């Protein structure tokens, strides 16, 4: 593997700095739910356009709060029992600047 800084050898760099990157999206969180009839579980895929300070997600089905799921990656997968195709789901961000922001 070869890495170059700049087009030719005339570019030099003495130091490189890094810092914690924080992203605060201006949109609402996204959620897609897929129901699996053979297992009775519903998989929900949740992301919020790269939000970095969300700690976990609250999942609502109607007015019922399902277990809270810890955010574990850019896109968090949440498995929930007992939902059917007739249910709708909403997720709510927990923690960070967007605390309490819900999906549509």
PDB file of N, CA and C in Angstrom:
ATOM      1  N   UNK A   1       0.845  -1.174   0.000  1.00  0.00           N
ATOM      2  CA  UNK A   1       0.000   0.000   0.000  1.00  0.00           C
ATOM      3  C   UNK A   1       0.888   1.234   0.000  1.00  0.00           C
ATOM      4  N   UNK A   2       0.474   2.238  -0.727  1.00  0.00           N
ATOM      5  CA  UNK A   2       1.233   3.470  -0.829  1.00  0.00           C
ATOM      6  C   UNK A   2       0.324   4.646  -0.502  1.00  0.00           C
ATOM      7  N   UNK A   3       0.829   5.567   0.309  1.00  0.00           N
ATOM      8  CA  UNK A   3       0.062   6.754   0.685  1.00  0.00           C
ATOM      9  C   UNK A   3       0.898   7.977   0.378  1.00  0.00           C
ATOM     10  N   UNK A   4       0.268   8.985  -0.239  1.00  0.00           N
ATOM     11  CA  UNK A   4       0.977  10.224  -0.541  1.00  0.00           C
ATOM     12  C   UNK A   4       0.198  11.404  -0.001  1.00  0.00           C
ATOM     13  N   UNK A   5       0.912  12.393   0.464  1.00  0.00           N
ATOM     14  CA  UNK A   5       0.313  13.637   0.935  1.00  0.00           C
ATOM     15  C   UNK A   5       0.613  14.702  -0.113  1.00  0.00           C
ATOM     16  N   UNK A   6      -0.361  15.047  -0.907  1.00  0.00           N
ATOM     17  CA  UNK A   6      -0.147  16.016  -1.969  1.00  0.00           C
ATOM     18  C   UNK A   6       0.134  15.345  -3.297  1.00  0.00           C
ATOM     19  N   UNK A   7       0.194  16.157  -4.343  1.00  0.00           N
ATOM     20  CA  UNK A   7       0.366  15.636  -5.696  1.00  0.00           C
ATOM     21  C   UNK A   7       1.786  15.137  -5.948  1.00  0.00           C
ATOM     22  N   UNK A   8       2.760  15.865  -5.470  1.00  0.00           N
ATOM     23  CA  UNK A   8       4.157  15.446  -5.651  1.00  0.00           C
ATOM     24  C   UNK A   8       4.902  15.593  -4.333  1.00  0.00           C
ATOM     25  N   UNK A   9       6.183  15.564  -4.360  1.00  0.00           N
ATOM     26  CA  UNK A   9       6.973  15.594  -3.114  1.00  0.00           C
ATOM     27  C   UNK A   9       7.231  17.007  -2.606  1.00  0.00           C
ATOM     28  N   UNK A  10       6.639  18.034  -3.210  1.00  0.00           N
ATOM     29  CA  UNK A  10       6.870  19.401  -2.742  1.00  0.00           C
ATOM     30  C   UNK A  10       6.012  19.768  -1.534  1.00  0.00           C
ATOM     31  N   UNK A  11       5.036  18.948  -1.198  1.00  0.00           N
ATOM     32  CA  UNK A  11       4.154  19.218  -0.063  1.00  0.00           C
ATOM     33  C   UNK A  11       4.704  18.512   1.166  1.00  0.00           C
ATOM     34  N   UNK A  12       4.781  19.238   2.286  1.00  0.00           N
ATOM     35  CA  UNK A  12       5.262  18.641   3.528  1.00  0.00           C
ATOM     36  C   UNK A  12       4.306  18.999   4.656  1.00  0.00           C
ATOM     37  N   UNK A  13       4.324  18.167   5.674  1.00  0.00           N
ATOM     38  CA  UNK A  13       3.489  18.418   6.850  1.00  0.00           C
ATOM     39  C   UNK A  13       4.278  18.000   8.076  1.00  0.00           C
ATOM     40  N   UNK A  14       4.375  18.904   9.035  1.00  0.00           N
ATOM     41  CA  UNK A  14       5.117  18.610  10.254  1.00  0.00           C
ATOM     42  C   UNK A  14       4.240  17.902  11.279  1.00  0.00           C
ATOM     43  N   UNK A  15       3.001  18.339  11.427  1.00  0.00           N
ATOM     44  CA  UNK A  15       2.106  17.747  12.426  1.00  0.00           C
ATOM     45  C   UNK A  15       0.719  17.513  11.844  1.00  0.00           C
ATOM     46  N   UNK A  16       0.048  16.574  12.446  1.00  0.00           N
ATOM     47  CA  UNK A  16      -1.357  16.323  12.115  1.00  0.00           C
ATOM     48  C   UNK A  16      -2.139  16.322  13.419  1.00  0.00           C
ATOM     49  N   UNK A  17      -3.286  16.936  13.412  1.00  0.00           N
ATOM     50  CA  UNK A  17      -4.106  17.025  14.612  1.00  0.00           C
ATOM     51  C   UNK A  17      -5.416  16.277  14.393  1.00  0.00           C
ATOM     52  N   UNK A  18      -5.896  15.685  15.452  1.00  0.00           N
ATOM     53  CA  UNK A  18      -7.210  15.055  15.396  1.00  0.00           C
ATOM     54  C   UNK A  18      -7.988  15.453  16.644  1.00  0.00           C
ATOM     55  N   UNK A  19      -9.274  15.380  16.544  1.00  0.00           N
ATOM     56  CA  UNK A  19     -10.130  15.736  17.665  1.00  0.00           C
ATOM     57  C   UNK A  19     -11.412  14.925  17.555  1.00  0.00           C
ATOM     58  N   UNK A  20     -12.145  14.789  18.634  1.00  0.00           N
ATOM     59  CA  UNK A  20     -13.411  14.053  18.571  1.00  0.00           C
ATOM     60  C   UNK A  20     -14.384  14.765  17.623  1.00  0.00           C
ATOM     61  N   UNK A  21     -14.879  14.029  16.659  1.00  0.00           N
ATOM     62  CA  UNK A  21     -15.804  14.582  15.681  1.00  0.00           C
ATOM     63  C   UNK A  21     -17.222  14.392  16.183  1.00  0.00           C
ATOM     64  N   UNK A  22     -18.001  15.458  16.187  1.00  0.00           N
ATOM     65  CA  UNK A  22     -19.377  15.399  16.669  1.00  0.00           C
ATOM     66  C   UNK A  22     -20.296  15.875  15.552  1.00  0.00           C
ATOM     67  N   UNK A  23     -21.357  15.119  15.319  1.00  0.00           N
ATOM     68  CA  UNK A  23     -22.303  15.437  14.252  1.00  0.00           C
ATOM     69  C   UNK A  23     -23.685  15.635  14.849  1.00  0.00           C
ATOM     70  N   UNK A  24     -24.330  16.757  14.497  1.00  0.00           N
ATOM     71  CA  UNK A  24     -25.692  17.069  14.944  1.00  0.00           C
ATOM     72  C   UNK A  24     -26.556  17.295  13.710  1.00  0.00           C
ATOM     73  N   UNK A  25     -27.262  16.279  13.237  1.00  0.00           N
ATOM     74  CA  UNK A  25     -28.065  16.420  12.019  1.00  0.00           C
ATOM     75  C   UNK A  25     -29.220  17.401  12.183  1.00  0.00           C
ATOM     76  N   UNK A  26     -29.622  17.991  11.071  1.00  0.00           N
ATOM     77  CA  UNK A  26     -30.772  18.901  11.086  1.00  0.00           C
ATOM     78  C   UNK A  26     -32.063  18.166  10.727  1.00  0.00           C
ATOM     79  N   UNK A  27     -31.961  16.891  10.396  1.00  0.00           N
ATOM     80  CA  UNK A  27     -33.132  16.085  10.049  1.00  0.00           C
ATOM     81  C   UNK A  27     -33.585  15.276  11.261  1.00  0.00           C
ATOM     82  N   UNK A  28     -34.648  14.511  11.083  1.00  0.00           N
ATOM     83  CA  UNK A  28     -35.133  13.621  12.143  1.00  0.00           C
ATOM     84  C   UNK A  28     -34.548  12.225  11.944  1.00  0.00           C
ATOM     85  N   UNK A  29     -34.536  11.406  13.007  1.00  0.00           N
ATOM     86  CA  UNK A  29     -34.037  10.031  12.865  1.00  0.00           C
ATOM     87  C   UNK A  29     -34.874   9.237  11.861  1.00  0.00           C
ATOM     88  N   UNK A  30     -34.238   8.262  11.230  1.00  0.00           N
ATOM     89  CA  UNK A  30     -34.916   7.370  10.288  1.00  0.00           C
ATOM     90  C   UNK A  30     -35.048   5.989  10.903  1.00  0.00           C
ATOM     91  N   UNK A  31     -36.173   5.327  10.623  1.00  0.00           N
ATOM     92  CA  UNK A  31     -36.380   3.955  11.091  1.00  0.00           C
ATOM     93  C   UNK A  31     -37.096   3.174   9.997  1.00  0.00           C
ATOM     94  N   UNK A  32     -36.618   1.958   9.773  1.00  0.00           N
ATOM     95  CA  UNK A  32     -37.261   1.023   8.849  1.00  0.00           C
ATOM     96  C   UNK A  32     -37.519  -0.245   9.639  1.00  0.00           C
ATOM     97  N   UNK A  33     -38.750  -0.754   9.595  1.00  0.00           N
ATOM     98  CA  UNK A  33     -39.114  -1.965  10.338  1.00  0.00           C
ATOM     99  C   UNK A  33     -39.447  -3.085   9.361  1.00  0.00           C
ATOM    100  N   UNK A  34     -38.895  -4.272   9.633  1.00  0.00           N
ATOM    101  CA  UNK A  34     -39.153  -5.465   8.815  1.00  0.00           C
ATOM    102  C   UNK A  34     -39.675  -6.558   9.729  1.00  0.00           C
ATOM    103  N   UNK A  35     -40.890  -7.023   9.471  1.00  0.00           N
ATOM    104  CA  UNK A  35     -41.509  -8.058  10.295  1.00  0.00           C
ATOM    105  C   UNK A  35     -41.177  -9.434   9.735  1.00  0.00           C
ATOM    106  N   UNK A  36     -40.763 -10.352  10.616  1.00  0.00           N
ATOM    107  CA  UNK A  36     -40.443 -11.723  10.230  1.00  0.00           C
ATOM    108  C   UNK A  36     -41.471 -12.646  10.863  1.00  0.00           C
ATOM    109  N   UNK A  37     -42.415 -13.141  10.066  1.00  0.00           N
ATOM    110  CA  UNK A  37     -43.530 -13.931  10.596  1.00  0.00           C
ATOM    111  C   UNK A  37     -43.079 -15.261  11.187  1.00  0.00           C
ATOM    112  N   UNK A  38     -42.014 -15.858  10.648  1.00  0.00           N
ATOM    113  CA  UNK A  38     -41.586 -17.162  11.161  1.00  0.00           C
ATOM    114  C   UNK A  38     -41.021 -17.081  12.580  1.00  0.00           C
ATOM    115  N   UNK A  39     -40.395 -15.971  12.936  1.00  0.00           N
ATOM    116  CA  UNK A  39     -39.829 -15.846  14.281  1.00  0.00           C
ATOM    117  C   UNK A  39     -40.702 -14.993  15.201  1.00  0.00           C
ATOM    118  N   UNK A  40     -41.649 -14.246  14.639  1.00  0.00           N
ATOM    119  CA  UNK A  40     -42.486 -13.371  15.451  1.00  0.00           C
ATOM    120  C   UNK A  40     -41.774 -12.105  15.893  1.00  0.00           C
ATOM    121  N   UNK A  41     -40.598 -11.845  15.339  1.00  0.00           N
ATOM    122  CA  UNK A  41     -39.830 -10.656  15.714  1.00  0.00           C
ATOM    123  C   UNK A  41     -39.887  -9.619  14.596  1.00  0.00           C
ATOM    124  N   UNK A  42     -39.698  -8.387  14.990  1.00  0.00           N
ATOM    125  CA  UNK A  42     -39.590  -7.292  14.035  1.00  0.00           C
ATOM    126  C   UNK A  42     -38.209  -6.678  14.192  1.00  0.00           C
ATOM    127  N   UNK A  43     -37.497  -6.571  13.090  1.00  0.00           N
ATOM    128  CA  UNK A  43     -36.180  -5.926  13.098  1.00  0.00           C
ATOM    129  C   UNK A  43     -36.362  -4.479  12.678  1.00  0.00           C
ATOM    130  N   UNK A  44     -35.838  -3.571  13.499  1.00  0.00           N
ATOM    131  CA  UNK A  44     -35.887  -2.152  13.177  1.00  0.00           C
ATOM    132  C   UNK A  44     -34.469  -1.660  12.971  1.00  0.00           C
ATOM    133  N   UNK A  45     -34.281  -0.953  11.888  1.00  0.00           N
ATOM    134  CA  UNK A  45     -32.979  -0.395  11.553  1.00  0.00           C
ATOM    135  C   UNK A  45     -33.081   1.112  11.728  1.00  0.00           C
ATOM    136  N   UNK A  46     -32.289   1.643  12.671  1.00  0.00           N
ATOM    137  CA  UNK A  46     -32.402   3.045  13.067  1.00  0.00           C
ATOM    138  C   UNK A  46     -31.088   3.758  12.798  1.00  0.00           C
ATOM    139  N   UNK A  47     -31.163   4.921  12.164  1.00  0.00           N
ATOM    140  CA  UNK A  47     -29.987   5.785  12.068  1.00  0.00           C
ATOM    141  C   UNK A  47     -30.444   7.231  12.032  1.00  0.00           C
ATOM    142  N   UNK A  48     -29.500   8.110  12.258  1.00  0.00           N
ATOM    143  CA  UNK A  48     -29.816   9.523  12.281  1.00  0.00           C
ATOM    144  C   UNK A  48     -28.724  10.309  11.582  1.00  0.00           C
ATOM    145  N   UNK A  49     -28.469   9.959  10.342  1.00  0.00           N
ATOM    146  CA  UNK A  49     -27.550  10.702   9.482  1.00  0.00           C
ATOM    147  C   UNK A  49     -26.218  11.009  10.166  1.00  0.00           C
ATOM    148  N   UNK A  50     -25.687  10.046  10.887  1.00  0.00           N
ATOM    149  CA  UNK A  50     -24.367  10.204  11.485  1.00  0.00           C
ATOM    150  C   UNK A  50     -24.324  10.893  12.832  1.00  0.00           C
ATOM    151  N   UNK A  51     -25.451  11.031  13.524  1.00  0.00           N
ATOM    152  CA  UNK A  51     -25.441  11.652  14.855  1.00  0.00           C
ATOM    153  C   UNK A  51     -24.506  10.864  15.763  1.00  0.00           C
ATOM    154  N   UNK A  52     -23.565  11.546  16.383  1.00  0.00           N
ATOM    155  CA  UNK A  52     -22.537  10.863  17.171  1.00  0.00           C
ATOM    156  C   UNK A  52     -22.791  10.867  18.666  1.00  0.00           C
ATOM    157  N   UNK A  53     -23.693  11.705  19.156  1.00  0.00           N
ATOM    158  CA  UNK A  53     -23.860  11.803  20.606  1.00  0.00           C
ATOM    159  C   UNK A  53     -25.122  11.125  21.132  1.00  0.00           C
ATOM    160  N   UNK A  54     -25.848  10.404  20.275  1.00  0.00           N
ATOM    161  CA  UNK A  54     -27.009   9.636  20.736  1.00  0.00           C
ATOM    162  C   UNK A  54     -26.499   8.429  21.515  1.00  0.00           C
ATOM    163  N   UNK A  55     -27.016   8.222  22.715  1.00  0.00           N
ATOM    164  CA  UNK A  55     -26.560   7.107  23.546  1.00  0.00           C
ATOM    165  C   UNK A  55     -27.431   5.870  23.374  1.00  0.00           C
ATOM    166  N   UNK A  56     -28.734   6.076  23.191  1.00  0.00           N
ATOM    167  CA  UNK A  56     -29.644   4.943  23.029  1.00  0.00           C
ATOM    168  C   UNK A  56     -30.908   5.420  22.316  1.00  0.00           C
ATOM    169  N   UNK A  57     -31.784   4.448  22.023  1.00  0.00           N
ATOM    170  CA  UNK A  57     -33.038   4.726  21.324  1.00  0.00           C
ATOM    171  C   UNK A  57     -34.211   4.180  22.121  1.00  0.00           C
ATOM    172  N   UNK A  58     -35.265   4.994  22.274  1.00  0.00           N
ATOM    173  CA  UNK A  58     -36.537   4.513  22.811  1.00  0.00           C
ATOM    174  C   UNK A  58     -37.392   4.122  21.615  1.00  0.00           C
ATOM    175  N   UNK A  59     -38.057   2.987  21.721  1.00  0.00           N
ATOM    176  CA  UNK A  59     -38.908   2.503  20.635  1.00  0.00           C
ATOM    177  C   UNK A  59     -40.354   2.517  21.115  1.00  0.00           C
ATOM    178  N   UNK A  60     -41.220   3.172  20.358  1.00  0.00           N
ATOM    179  CA  UNK A  60     -42.641   3.229  20.675  1.00  0.00           C
ATOM    180  C   UNK A  60     -43.421   2.512  19.584  1.00  0.00           C
ATOM    181  N   UNK A  61     -44.395   1.718  20.018  1.00  0.00           N
ATOM    182  CA  UNK A  61     -45.366   1.127  19.104  1.00  0.00           C
ATOM    183  C   UNK A  61     -46.724   1.608  19.580  1.00  0.00           C
ATOM    184  N   UNK A  62     -47.318   2.526  18.846  1.00  0.00           N
ATOM    185  CA  UNK A  62     -48.512   3.196  19.347  1.00  0.00           C
ATOM    186  C   UNK A  62     -48.101   4.041  20.536  1.00  0.00           C
ATOM    187  N   UNK A  63     -48.779   3.879  21.653  1.00  0.00           N
ATOM    188  CA  UNK A  63     -48.404   4.613  22.866  1.00  0.00           C
ATOM    189  C   UNK A  63     -47.570   3.755  23.807  1.00  0.00           C
ATOM    190  N   UNK A  64     -47.248   2.529  23.395  1.00  0.00           N
ATOM    191  CA  UNK A  64     -46.485   1.608  24.245  1.00  0.00           C
ATOM    192  C   UNK A  64     -44.985   1.782  24.043  1.00  0.00           C
ATOM    193  N   UNK A  65     -44.272   1.919  25.146  1.00  0.00           N
ATOM    194  CA  UNK A  65     -42.817   2.006  25.099  1.00  0.00           C
ATOM    195  C   UNK A  65     -42.239   0.603  25.144  1.00  0.00           C
ATOM    196  N   UNK A  66     -41.450   0.270  24.164  1.00  0.00           N
ATOM    197  CA  UNK A  66     -40.746  -1.014  24.123  1.00  0.00           C
ATOM    198  C   UNK A  66     -39.407  -0.837  24.836  1.00  0.00           C
ATOM    199  N   UNK A  67     -38.647  -1.916  25.019  1.00  0.00           N
ATOM    200  CA  UNK A  67     -37.350  -1.785  25.694  1.00  0.00           C
ATOM    201  C   UNK A  67     -36.437  -0.775  24.993  1.00  0.00           C
ATOM    202  N   UNK A  68     -35.667  -0.043  25.784  1.00  0.00           N
ATOM    203  CA  UNK A  68     -34.717   0.932  25.250  1.00  0.00           C
ATOM    204  C   UNK A  68     -33.504   0.185  24.711  1.00  0.00           C
ATOM    205  N   UNK A  69     -33.032   0.585  23.533  1.00  0.00           N
ATOM    206  CA  UNK A  69     -31.902  -0.083  22.889  1.00  0.00           C
ATOM    207  C   UNK A  69     -30.699   0.843  22.841  1.00  0.00           C
ATOM    208  N   UNK A  70     -29.554   0.346  23.243  1.00  0.00           N
ATOM    209  CA  UNK A  70     -28.317   1.120  23.223  1.00  0.00           C
ATOM    210  C   UNK A  70     -27.845   1.296  21.785  1.00  0.00           C
ATOM    211  N   UNK A  71     -27.462   2.519  21.438  1.00  0.00           N
ATOM    212  CA  UNK A  71     -26.910   2.784  20.109  1.00  0.00           C
ATOM    213  C   UNK A  71     -25.560   2.087  20.021  1.00  0.00           C
ATOM    214  N   UNK A  72     -25.351   1.325  18.949  1.00  0.00           N
ATOM    215  CA  UNK A  72     -24.108   0.563  18.879  1.00  0.00           C
ATOM    216  C   UNK A  72     -23.317   0.768  17.604  1.00  0.00           C
ATOM    217  N   UNK A  73     -23.803   1.576  16.701  1.00  0.00           N
ATOM    218  CA  UNK A  73     -23.069   1.785  15.458  1.00  0.00           C
ATOM    219  C   UNK A  73     -23.744   2.909  14.684  1.00  0.00           C
ATOM    220  N   UNK A  74     -23.271   3.152  13.478  1.00  0.00           N
ATOM    221  CA  UNK A  74     -23.917   4.163  12.632  1.00  0.00           C
ATOM    222  C   UNK A  74     -25.391   3.832  12.447  1.00  0.00           C
ATOM    223  N   UNK A  75     -25.671   2.553  12.193  1.00  0.00           N
ATOM    224  CA  UNK A  75     -27.053   2.088  12.093  1.00  0.00           C
ATOM    225  C   UNK A  75     -27.270   1.031  13.159  1.00  0.00           C
ATOM    226  N   UNK A  76     -28.219   1.258  14.036  1.00  0.00           N
ATOM    227  CA  UNK A  76     -28.508   0.333  15.128  1.00  0.00           C
ATOM    228  C   UNK A  76     -29.648  -0.590  14.722  1.00  0.00           C
ATOM    229  N   UNK A  77     -29.459  -1.893  14.947  1.00  0.00           N
ATOM    230  CA  UNK A  77     -30.511  -2.873  14.694  1.00  0.00           C
ATOM    231  C   UNK A  77     -31.169  -3.229  16.016  1.00  0.00           C
ATOM    232  N   UNK A  78     -32.499  -3.133  16.065  1.00  0.00           N
ATOM    233  CA  UNK A  78     -33.256  -3.417  17.282  1.00  0.00           C
ATOM    234  C   UNK A  78     -34.272  -4.505  16.957  1.00  0.00           C
ATOM    235  N   UNK A  79     -34.268  -5.588  17.728  1.00  0.00           N
ATOM    236  CA  UNK A  79     -35.252  -6.659  17.558  1.00  0.00           C
ATOM    237  C   UNK A  79     -36.329  -6.528  18.624  1.00  0.00           C
ATOM    238  N   UNK A  80     -37.592  -6.549  18.195  1.00  0.00           N
ATOM    239  CA  UNK A  80     -38.724  -6.393  19.111  1.00  0.00           C
ATOM    240  C   UNK A  80     -39.713  -7.517  18.854  1.00  0.00           C
ATOM    241  N   UNK A  81     -40.258  -8.090  19.929  1.00  0.00           N
ATOM    242  CA  UNK A  81     -41.288  -9.130  19.819  1.00  0.00           C
ATOM    243  C   UNK A  81     -42.674  -8.501  19.775  1.00  0.00           C
ATOM    244  N   UNK A  82     -43.602  -9.207  19.150  1.00  0.00           N
ATOM    245  CA  UNK A  82     -45.013  -8.871  19.264  1.00  0.00           C
ATOM    246  C   UNK A  82     -45.537  -7.771  18.372  1.00  0.00           C
ATOM    247  N   UNK A  83     -44.790  -7.340  17.374  1.00  0.00           N
ATOM    248  CA  UNK A  83     -45.324  -6.343  16.448  1.00  0.00           C
ATOM    249  C   UNK A  83     -45.803  -7.044  15.188  1.00  0.00           C
ATOM    250  N   UNK A  84     -46.834  -6.502  14.572  1.00  0.00           N
ATOM    251  CA  UNK A  84     -47.339  -7.047  13.310  1.00  0.00           C
ATOM    252  C   UNK A  84     -47.272  -5.961  12.244  1.00  0.00           C
ATOM    253  N   UNK A  85     -47.694  -6.312  11.053  1.00  0.00           N
ATOM    254  CA  UNK A  85     -47.694  -5.339   9.961  1.00  0.00           C
ATOM    255  C   UNK A  85     -48.646  -4.181  10.221  1.00  0.00           C
ATOM    256  N   UNK A  86     -49.585  -4.353  11.133  1.00  0.00           N
ATOM    257  CA  UNK A  86     -50.560  -3.300  11.429  1.00  0.00           C
ATOM    258  C   UNK A  86     -50.048  -2.290  12.452  1.00  0.00           C
ATOM    259  N   UNK A  87     -48.931  -2.549  13.072  1.00  0.00           N
ATOM    260  CA  UNK A  87     -48.368  -1.621  14.054  1.00  0.00           C
ATOM    261  C   UNK A  87     -47.500  -0.576  13.349  1.00  0.00           C
ATOM    262  N   UNK A  88     -47.422   0.595  13.962  1.00  0.00           N
ATOM    263  CA  UNK A  88     -46.451   1.576  13.494  1.00  0.00           C
ATOM    264  C   UNK A  88     -45.456   1.803  14.613  1.00  0.00           C
ATOM    265  N   UNK A  89     -44.242   2.174  14.247  1.00  0.00           N
ATOM    266  CA  UNK A  89     -43.201   2.389  15.246  1.00  0.00           C
ATOM    267  C   UNK A  89     -42.606   3.782  15.078  1.00  0.00           C
ATOM    268  N   UNK A  90     -42.172   4.329  16.194  1.00  0.00           N
ATOM    269  CA  UNK A  90     -41.481   5.611  16.245  1.00  0.00           C
ATOM    270  C   UNK A  90     -40.288   5.417  17.162  1.00  0.00           C
ATOM    271  N   UNK A  91     -39.147   5.991  16.801  1.00  0.00           N
ATOM    272  CA  UNK A  91     -37.980   5.942  17.682  1.00  0.00           C
ATOM    273  C   UNK A  91     -37.680   7.345  18.188  1.00  0.00           C
ATOM    274  N   UNK A  92     -37.117   7.397  19.387  1.00  0.00           N
ATOM    275  CA  UNK A  92     -36.766   8.667  20.021  1.00  0.00           C
ATOM    276  C   UNK A  92     -35.319   8.599  20.484  1.00  0.00           C
ATOM    277  N   UNK A  93     -34.536   9.609  20.139  1.00  0.00           N
ATOM    278  CA  UNK A  93     -33.132   9.664  20.540  1.00  0.00           C
ATOM    279  C   UNK A  93     -33.022   9.954  22.031  1.00  0.00           C
ATOM    280  N   UNK A  94     -32.074   9.296  22.692  1.00  0.00           N
ATOM    281  CA  UNK A  94     -31.806   9.518  24.110  1.00  0.00           C
ATOM    282  C   UNK A  94     -30.356   9.962  24.241  1.00  0.00           C
ATOM    283  N   UNK A  95     -30.147  11.115  24.842  1.00  0.00           N
ATOM    284  CA  UNK A  95     -28.801  11.633  25.059  1.00  0.00           C
ATOM    285  C   UNK A  95     -28.370  12.597  23.970  1.00  0.00           C
ATOM    286  N   UNK A  96     -27.442  13.454  24.317  1.00  0.00           N
ATOM    287  CA  UNK A  96     -26.875  14.388  23.355  1.00  0.00           C
ATOM    288  C   UNK A  96     -27.757  15.584  23.077  1.00  0.00           C
ATOM    289  N   UNK A  97     -27.352  16.345  22.082  1.00  0.00           N
ATOM    290  CA  UNK A  97     -28.047  17.579  21.726  1.00  0.00           C
ATOM    291  C   UNK A  97     -29.469  17.310  21.248  1.00  0.00           C
ATOM    292  N   UNK A  98     -29.677  16.201  20.534  1.00  0.00           N
ATOM    293  CA  UNK A  98     -30.997  15.892  19.993  1.00  0.00           C
ATOM    294  C   UNK A  98     -31.862  15.053  20.898  1.00  0.00           C
ATOM    295  N   UNK A  99     -31.590  15.055  22.196  1.00  0.00           N
ATOM    296  CA  UNK A  99     -32.351  14.243  23.146  1.00  0.00           C
ATOM    297  C   UNK A  99     -33.844  14.530  23.012  1.00  0.00           C
ATOM    298  N   UNK A 100     -34.623  13.475  22.813  1.00  0.00           N
ATOM    299  CA  UNK A 100     -36.068  13.619  22.703  1.00  0.00           C
ATOM    300  C   UNK A 100     -36.585  13.792  21.288  1.00  0.00           C
ATOM    301  N   UNK A 101     -35.693  13.901  20.310  1.00  0.00           N
ATOM    302  CA  UNK A 101     -36.125  14.042  18.920  1.00  0.00           C
ATOM    303  C   UNK A 101     -36.655  12.712  18.415  1.00  0.00           C
ATOM    304  N   UNK A 102     -37.842  12.736  17.808  1.00  0.00           N
ATOM    305  CA  UNK A 102     -38.491  11.506  17.338  1.00  0.00           C
ATOM    306  C   UNK A 102     -38.505  11.428  15.816  1.00  0.00           C
ATOM    307  N   UNK A 103     -38.559  10.187  15.352  1.00  0.00           N
ATOM    308  CA  UNK A 103     -38.721   9.955  13.916  1.00  0.00           C
ATOM    309  C   UNK A 103     -40.155  10.267  13.519  1.00  0.00           C
ATOM    310  N   UNK A 104     -40.388  10.353  12.219  1.00  0.00           N
ATOM    311  CA  UNK A 104     -41.751  10.580  11.707  1.00  0.00           C
ATOM    312  C   UNK A 104     -42.513   9.287  11.635  1.00  0.00           C
TER     313      UNK A 104
END
